Amino acid sequence: MSTTYDQLVEILARLHDAPADRISPEATFAELDVDSLTTVEIGIRIERDLGVTVGDDELRPDLSLGALAGLVDARQAAV
């Protein structure tokens, strides 16, 4: 997986107490029990730490961490 994925896992670990054995590229926010407030905080951290904006409407419960990493990578490449 990409460095972006590793950074997202780190952000998630800081903001949400998800068990490490449940975190994978295929894991969705819903599967990790990430609530809406934490989702907003993740979006803020992505913007601050990774330099791209991901809208709250894009951070859906069915979004996997791998798909989010791909989205962030694509936005970083476009900058």
Protein backbone atom coordinates (compact mmCIF):
# COMPACT_ATOMS: atom_id res chain seq x y z
CA MET A 1 0.00 0.00 0.00
CA SER A 2 1.04 3.62 -0.41
CA THR A 3 2.65 6.00 2.00
CA THR A 4 -0.66 7.87 1.94
CA TYR A 5 -2.42 4.77 3.24
CA ASP A 6 0.10 4.56 6.12
CA GLN A 7 -0.49 8.24 6.91
CA LEU A 8 -4.26 7.68 6.91
CA VAL A 9 -3.87 4.74 9.30
CA GLU A 10 -1.81 6.97 11.58
CA ILE A 11 -4.47 9.72 11.46
CA LEU A 12 -7.18 7.16 12.18
CA ALA A 13 -5.22 5.68 15.07
CA ARG A 14 -4.76 9.12 16.65
CA LEU A 15 -8.44 10.04 16.35
CA HIS A 16 -10.24 6.73 16.77
CA ASP A 17 -9.57 3.70 18.93
CA ALA A 18 -10.06 1.12 16.17
CA PRO A 19 -8.47 -2.27 16.87
CA ALA A 20 -5.34 -2.66 14.74
CA ASP A 21 -6.45 -6.08 13.52
CA ARG A 22 -9.53 -4.49 11.90
CA ILE A 23 -7.61 -1.80 10.02
CA SER A 24 -6.93 -2.81 6.43
CA PRO A 25 -7.19 -1.19 2.99
CA GLU A 26 -10.58 -2.86 2.54
CA ALA A 27 -11.97 -1.68 5.89
CA THR A 28 -14.68 0.96 5.64
CA PHE A 29 -15.44 3.71 8.12
CA ALA A 30 -18.65 1.84 8.99
CA GLU A 31 -16.76 -1.40 9.68
CA LEU A 32 -14.37 0.53 11.93
CA ASP A 33 -17.29 2.20 13.76
CA VAL A 34 -16.07 5.70 12.85
CA ASP A 35 -18.76 8.21 13.83
CA SER A 36 -19.64 11.40 11.98
CA LEU A 37 -17.66 13.69 14.31
CA THR A 38 -14.52 11.60 13.88
CA THR A 39 -15.09 11.59 10.11
CA VAL A 40 -15.07 15.40 10.11
CA GLU A 41 -11.89 15.40 12.20
CA ILE A 42 -10.28 12.97 9.74
CA GLY A 43 -11.11 15.35 6.89
CA ILE A 44 -9.51 18.23 8.79
CA ARG A 45 -6.36 16.19 9.47
CA ILE A 46 -6.12 15.10 5.83
CA GLU A 47 -6.23 18.74 4.76
CA ARG A 48 -3.70 19.82 7.37
CA ASP A 49 -1.29 16.87 7.14
CA LEU A 50 -1.62 15.82 3.50
CA GLY A 51 -2.46 19.14 1.85
CA VAL A 52 -5.66 18.17 0.03
CA THR A 53 -9.32 18.68 0.73
CA VAL A 54 -11.70 15.75 0.99
CA GLY A 55 -15.28 16.88 1.53
CA ASP A 56 -17.42 15.56 4.35
CA ASP A 57 -19.81 14.21 1.72
CA GLU A 58 -16.96 12.12 0.27
CA LEU A 59 -16.04 10.58 3.61
CA ARG A 60 -19.01 8.22 3.54
CA PRO A 61 -19.42 5.24 5.88
CA ASP A 62 -18.93 2.84 2.95
CA LEU A 63 -15.60 4.42 1.90
CA SER A 64 -12.66 2.07 2.39
CA LEU A 65 -9.28 3.24 3.61
CA GLY A 66 -7.70 2.05 0.38
CA ALA A 67 -10.17 4.03 -1.71
CA LEU A 68 -9.57 7.10 0.45
CA ALA A 69 -5.80 6.70 -0.05
CA GLY A 70 -6.37 6.54 -3.81
CA LEU A 71 -8.53 9.67 -3.69
CA VAL A 72 -5.91 11.58 -1.69
CA ASP A 73 -3.11 10.40 -4.00
CA ALA A 74 -5.07 11.56 -7.06
CA ARG A 75 -5.71 14.97 -5.53
CA GLN A 76 -2.07 15.37 -4.55
CA ALA A 77 -0.98 14.49 -8.08
CA ALA A 78 -3.34 17.10 -9.50
CA VAL A 79 -1.81 19.90 -7.43
